[in-house]
Amino acid sequence: MTALHSIPLTLIDGTDTDFGRFKGEVVLVVNVASQCGFTPQYAGLEALHNKFREQGFAVLGVPCNQFAGQEPGADAEIAEFCERNFGVTFPLTTKADVQGENQHPLYAELTKFKTGELPDLVQWNFEKFLVDRDGAVMARFSPGLAPDSPEIIEAVQSALA
């Protein structure tokens, strides 16, 4: 197990688990928000989740209210919004901080992976981290990159191969 696999998570329905539930799967971890200009990406994330789910792929959404207060709702409201507006079936965690003093341990590990464009902290809602089957971060994508972009599709396919 990697450091990521041992990190505890609480799903939006209150279920306690850890990232190890995804061991053997490729996961796209995304900090999400319901009132962001990128919120329509939920539809693309759901489509991506469904397209590759049978091959061992999952999207994990992490609601976060740290960027311009764009995720103000309680967990139940967030879950209802995602299901009603985008038919989201991929797992969501409870609302969490992705940076700062109360940064969730998942993001403390994820943000160790740096790229030239994304060198440090999460910059905005809908930043994406691709984690391989063994729990290693393989790629990091900017918030504006759509889930159906060639870069993300190719990275997911490569990780699943």
C-alpha atoms as a PDB file:
ATOM      1  CA  MET A   1       0.000   0.000   0.000  1.00  0.00           C
ATOM      2  CA  THR A   2       1.148   3.525  -0.753  1.00  0.00           C
ATOM      3  CA  ALA A   3       0.843   6.513   1.529  1.00  0.00           C
ATOM      4  CA  LEU A   4      -2.286   7.491  -0.406  1.00  0.00           C
ATOM      5  CA  HIS A   5      -3.989   4.151   0.259  1.00  0.00           C
ATOM      6  CA  SER A   6      -3.822   4.586   4.032  1.00  0.00           C
ATOM      7  CA  ILE A   7      -5.450   8.028   4.064  1.00  0.00           C
ATOM      8  CA  PRO A   8      -8.881   8.035   5.721  1.00  0.00           C
ATOM      9  CA  LEU A   9     -11.852   9.385   3.778  1.00  0.00           C
ATOM     10  CA  THR A  10     -15.428  10.089   4.731  1.00  0.00           C
ATOM     11  CA  LEU A  11     -17.827   9.762   1.843  1.00  0.00           C
ATOM     12  CA  ILE A  12     -20.595  12.309   1.411  1.00  0.00           C
ATOM     13  CA  ASP A  13     -23.159   9.842   2.839  1.00  0.00           C
ATOM     14  CA  GLY A  14     -21.129   9.613   6.065  1.00  0.00           C
ATOM     15  CA  THR A  15     -19.437   6.278   5.294  1.00  0.00           C
ATOM     16  CA  ASP A  16     -15.928   6.068   6.727  1.00  0.00           C
ATOM     17  CA  THR A  17     -13.365   4.430   4.463  1.00  0.00           C
ATOM     18  CA  ASP A  18      -9.879   5.128   3.163  1.00  0.00           C
ATOM     19  CA  PHE A  19      -8.247   5.715  -0.200  1.00  0.00           C
ATOM     20  CA  GLY A  20      -7.255   2.044  -0.135  1.00  0.00           C
ATOM     21  CA  ARG A  21     -10.788   1.263  -1.362  1.00  0.00           C
ATOM     22  CA  PHE A  22      -9.418   2.319  -4.774  1.00  0.00           C
ATOM     23  CA  LYS A  23      -6.375   0.009  -4.673  1.00  0.00           C
ATOM     24  CA  GLY A  24      -6.107  -1.634  -8.080  1.00  0.00           C
ATOM     25  CA  GLU A  25      -8.115   1.146  -9.751  1.00  0.00           C
ATOM     26  CA  VAL A  26      -7.074   4.239 -11.651  1.00  0.00           C
ATOM     27  CA  VAL A  27      -8.621   7.299  -9.971  1.00  0.00           C
ATOM     28  CA  LEU A  28      -9.113  10.887 -11.079  1.00  0.00           C
ATOM     29  CA  VAL A  29      -9.355  12.975  -7.894  1.00  0.00           C
ATOM     30  CA  VAL A  30     -11.041  16.346  -8.451  1.00  0.00           C
ATOM     31  CA  ASN A  31     -11.840  19.145  -6.001  1.00  0.00           C
ATOM     32  CA  VAL A  32     -15.352  20.179  -6.990  1.00  0.00           C
ATOM     33  CA  ALA A  33     -17.761  23.050  -6.332  1.00  0.00           C
ATOM     34  CA  SER A  34     -21.418  23.630  -7.176  1.00  0.00           C
ATOM     35  CA  GLN A  35     -21.300  27.357  -7.930  1.00  0.00           C
ATOM     36  CA  CYS A  36     -18.174  27.618 -10.084  1.00  0.00           C
ATOM     37  CA  GLY A  37     -17.788  28.466 -13.738  1.00  0.00           C
ATOM     38  CA  PHE A  38     -16.318  24.974 -14.114  1.00  0.00           C
ATOM     39  CA  THR A  39     -19.293  23.260 -12.424  1.00  0.00           C
ATOM     40  CA  PRO A  40     -20.573  21.950 -15.796  1.00  0.00           C
ATOM     41  CA  GLN A  41     -17.485  19.704 -15.743  1.00  0.00           C
ATOM     42  CA  TYR A  42     -19.519  17.429 -13.458  1.00  0.00           C
ATOM     43  CA  ALA A  43     -21.228  16.119 -16.612  1.00  0.00           C
ATOM     44  CA  GLY A  44     -17.886  15.340 -18.242  1.00  0.00           C
ATOM     45  CA  LEU A  45     -16.556  13.733 -15.075  1.00  0.00           C
ATOM     46  CA  GLU A  46     -19.626  11.500 -14.899  1.00  0.00           C
ATOM     47  CA  ALA A  47     -19.239  10.552 -18.582  1.00  0.00           C
ATOM     48  CA  LEU A  48     -15.542   9.763 -18.042  1.00  0.00           C
ATOM     49  CA  HIS A  49     -16.375   7.693 -14.950  1.00  0.00           C
ATOM     50  CA  ASN A  50     -18.967   5.693 -16.873  1.00  0.00           C
ATOM     51  CA  LYS A  51     -16.822   5.272 -19.980  1.00  0.00           C
ATOM     52  CA  PHE A  52     -13.920   3.607 -18.158  1.00  0.00           C
ATOM     53  CA  ARG A  53     -15.566   2.222 -14.979  1.00  0.00           C
ATOM     54  CA  GLU A  54     -15.646  -1.365 -16.271  1.00  0.00           C
ATOM     55  CA  GLN A  55     -11.888  -1.168 -16.895  1.00  0.00           C
ATOM     56  CA  GLY A  56     -11.124  -0.255 -13.276  1.00  0.00           C
ATOM     57  CA  PHE A  57     -11.436   3.516 -13.311  1.00  0.00           C
ATOM     58  CA  ALA A  58     -13.187   5.877 -10.908  1.00  0.00           C
ATOM     59  CA  VAL A  59     -13.618   9.589 -10.389  1.00  0.00           C
ATOM     60  CA  LEU A  60     -13.487  10.814  -6.789  1.00  0.00           C
ATOM     61  CA  GLY A  61     -14.997  14.240  -6.168  1.00  0.00           C
ATOM     62  CA  VAL A  62     -13.862  16.258  -3.165  1.00  0.00           C
ATOM     63  CA  PRO A  63     -16.207  19.199  -2.520  1.00  0.00           C
ATOM     64  CA  CYS A  64     -14.294  22.265  -1.367  1.00  0.00           C
ATOM     65  CA  ASN A  65     -15.437  25.749  -0.345  1.00  0.00           C
ATOM     66  CA  GLN A  66     -11.993  27.410  -0.286  1.00  0.00           C
ATOM     67  CA  PHE A  67     -12.208  29.199  -3.618  1.00  0.00           C
ATOM     68  CA  ALA A  68     -14.538  32.223  -3.551  1.00  0.00           C
ATOM     69  CA  GLY A  69     -17.039  30.327  -1.369  1.00  0.00           C
ATOM     70  CA  GLN A  70     -18.330  28.407  -4.381  1.00  0.00           C
ATOM     71  CA  GLU A  71     -19.346  25.295  -2.410  1.00  0.00           C
ATOM     72  CA  PRO A  72     -21.339  26.727   0.509  1.00  0.00           C
ATOM     73  CA  GLY A  73     -23.836  23.873   0.955  1.00  0.00           C
ATOM     74  CA  ALA A  74     -23.921  21.084   3.485  1.00  0.00           C
ATOM     75  CA  ASP A  75     -22.946  17.588   2.358  1.00  0.00           C
ATOM     76  CA  ALA A  76     -26.563  16.471   1.802  1.00  0.00           C
ATOM     77  CA  GLU A  77     -27.236  19.554  -0.336  1.00  0.00           C
ATOM     78  CA  ILE A  78     -24.102  18.941  -2.400  1.00  0.00           C
ATOM     79  CA  ALA A  79     -25.016  15.292  -3.001  1.00  0.00           C
ATOM     80  CA  GLU A  80     -28.562  16.231  -4.026  1.00  0.00           C
ATOM     81  CA  PHE A  81     -27.320  18.995  -6.350  1.00  0.00           C
ATOM     82  CA  CYS A  82     -24.858  16.657  -8.081  1.00  0.00           C
ATOM     83  CA  GLU A  83     -27.404  13.899  -8.566  1.00  0.00           C
ATOM     84  CA  ARG A  84     -30.250  16.199  -9.678  1.00  0.00           C
ATOM     85  CA  ASN A  85     -28.256  18.366 -12.086  1.00  0.00           C
ATOM     86  CA  PHE A  86     -25.605  16.011 -13.421  1.00  0.00           C
ATOM     87  CA  GLY A  87     -26.681  12.462 -12.524  1.00  0.00           C
ATOM     88  CA  VAL A  88     -23.443  11.993 -10.591  1.00  0.00           C
ATOM     89  CA  THR A  89     -22.856   8.386  -9.557  1.00  0.00           C
ATOM     90  CA  PHE A  90     -19.112   8.598  -8.840  1.00  0.00           C
ATOM     91  CA  PRO A  91     -18.130   8.828  -5.176  1.00  0.00           C
ATOM     92  CA  LEU A  92     -17.920  12.172  -3.411  1.00  0.00           C
ATOM     93  CA  THR A  93     -16.270  12.824  -0.072  1.00  0.00           C
ATOM     94  CA  THR A  94     -17.499  15.154   2.610  1.00  0.00           C
ATOM     95  CA  LYS A  95     -16.471  18.767   2.108  1.00  0.00           C
ATOM     96  CA  ALA A  96     -12.743  19.211   2.714  1.00  0.00           C
ATOM     97  CA  ASP A  97      -9.960  21.784   2.559  1.00  0.00           C
ATOM     98  CA  VAL A  98      -7.469  21.161  -0.239  1.00  0.00           C
ATOM     99  CA  GLN A  99      -4.886  23.658   1.016  1.00  0.00           C
ATOM    100  CA  GLY A 100      -4.011  25.615   4.138  1.00  0.00           C
ATOM    101  CA  GLU A 101      -3.903  24.827   7.825  1.00  0.00           C
ATOM    102  CA  ASN A 102      -6.743  22.277   7.675  1.00  0.00           C
ATOM    103  CA  GLN A 103      -5.656  20.653   4.389  1.00  0.00           C
ATOM    104  CA  HIS A 104      -7.042  17.147   4.051  1.00  0.00           C
ATOM    105  CA  PRO A 105      -4.256  14.528   4.229  1.00  0.00           C
ATOM    106  CA  LEU A 106      -5.270  13.306   0.763  1.00  0.00           C
ATOM    107  CA  TYR A 107      -4.353  16.686  -0.697  1.00  0.00           C
ATOM    108  CA  ALA A 108      -1.164  16.898   1.368  1.00  0.00           C
ATOM    109  CA  GLU A 109      -0.047  13.780  -0.540  1.00  0.00           C
ATOM    110  CA  LEU A 110      -1.512  14.672  -3.943  1.00  0.00           C
ATOM    111  CA  THR A 111       0.101  18.110  -4.063  1.00  0.00           C
ATOM    112  CA  LYS A 112       3.560  16.581  -3.636  1.00  0.00           C
ATOM    113  CA  PHE A 113       3.174  15.883  -7.368  1.00  0.00           C
ATOM    114  CA  LYS A 114       4.166  19.064  -9.142  1.00  0.00           C
ATOM    115  CA  THR A 115       4.251  20.125 -12.764  1.00  0.00           C
ATOM    116  CA  GLY A 116       5.603  23.287 -14.353  1.00  0.00           C
ATOM    117  CA  GLU A 117       2.106  24.670 -14.740  1.00  0.00           C
ATOM    118  CA  LEU A 118       0.904  23.419 -11.342  1.00  0.00           C
ATOM    119  CA  PRO A 119       3.929  23.600  -9.056  1.00  0.00           C
ATOM    120  CA  ASP A 120       2.441  23.665  -5.593  1.00  0.00           C
ATOM    121  CA  LEU A 121      -0.932  24.307  -4.025  1.00  0.00           C
ATOM    122  CA  VAL A 122      -4.264  23.659  -5.667  1.00  0.00           C
ATOM    123  CA  GLN A 123      -5.111  26.910  -7.426  1.00  0.00           C
ATOM    124  CA  TRP A 124      -8.864  26.614  -8.049  1.00  0.00           C
ATOM    125  CA  ASN A 125     -11.877  24.311  -8.209  1.00  0.00           C
ATOM    126  CA  PHE A 126     -11.749  21.321 -10.562  1.00  0.00           C
ATOM    127  CA  GLU A 127      -8.000  20.713 -10.493  1.00  0.00           C
ATOM    128  CA  LYS A 128      -7.453  17.040 -11.323  1.00  0.00           C
ATOM    129  CA  PHE A 129      -4.959  14.418 -10.114  1.00  0.00           C
ATOM    130  CA  LEU A 130      -4.638  11.066 -11.875  1.00  0.00           C
ATOM    131  CA  VAL A 131      -3.621   8.232  -9.548  1.00  0.00           C
ATOM    132  CA  ASP A 132      -2.509   4.851 -10.921  1.00  0.00           C
ATOM    133  CA  ARG A 133      -3.584   1.394  -9.746  1.00  0.00           C
ATOM    134  CA  ASP A 134      -0.716   1.293  -7.231  1.00  0.00           C
ATOM    135  CA  GLY A 135      -1.568   4.648  -5.656  1.00  0.00           C
ATOM    136  CA  ALA A 136       1.083   6.779  -7.358  1.00  0.00           C
ATOM    137  CA  VAL A 137       0.141  10.181  -8.785  1.00  0.00           C
ATOM    138  CA  MET A 138       0.779  10.043 -12.542  1.00  0.00           C
ATOM    139  CA  ALA A 139      -0.504  13.392 -13.757  1.00  0.00           C
ATOM    140  CA  ARG A 140      -2.007  16.679 -12.668  1.00  0.00           C
ATOM    141  CA  PHE A 141      -4.378  18.735 -14.793  1.00  0.00           C
ATOM    142  CA  SER A 142      -5.450  22.361 -14.544  1.00  0.00           C
ATOM    143  CA  PRO A 143      -9.011  23.306 -13.606  1.00  0.00           C
ATOM    144  CA  GLY A 144      -9.841  24.580 -17.092  1.00  0.00           C
ATOM    145  CA  LEU A 145      -8.941  21.304 -18.800  1.00  0.00           C
ATOM    146  CA  ALA A 146     -12.221  19.525 -19.567  1.00  0.00           C
ATOM    147  CA  PRO A 147     -12.604  15.884 -18.489  1.00  0.00           C
ATOM    148  CA  ASP A 148     -13.116  14.856 -22.130  1.00  0.00           C
ATOM    149  CA  SER A 149      -9.939  16.608 -23.321  1.00  0.00           C
ATOM    150  CA  PRO A 150      -7.506  14.466 -25.312  1.00  0.00           C
ATOM    151  CA  GLU A 151      -4.852  14.966 -22.611  1.00  0.00           C
ATOM    152  CA  ILE A 152      -7.024  13.479 -19.881  1.00  0.00           C
ATOM    153  CA  ILE A 153      -8.488  10.691 -22.042  1.00  0.00           C
ATOM    154  CA  GLU A 154      -5.008   9.634 -23.198  1.00  0.00           C
ATOM    155  CA  ALA A 155      -3.619   9.714 -19.647  1.00  0.00           C
ATOM    156  CA  VAL A 156      -6.514   7.596 -18.331  1.00  0.00           C
ATOM    157  CA  GLN A 157      -6.166   5.098 -21.177  1.00  0.00           C
ATOM    158  CA  SER A 158      -2.426   4.868 -20.597  1.00  0.00           C
ATOM    159  CA  ALA A 159      -2.924   4.263 -16.864  1.00  0.00           C
ATOM    160  CA  LEU A 160      -5.510   1.559 -17.585  1.00  0.00           C
ATOM    161  CA  ALA A 161      -3.325  -0.246 -20.153  1.00  0.00           C
END
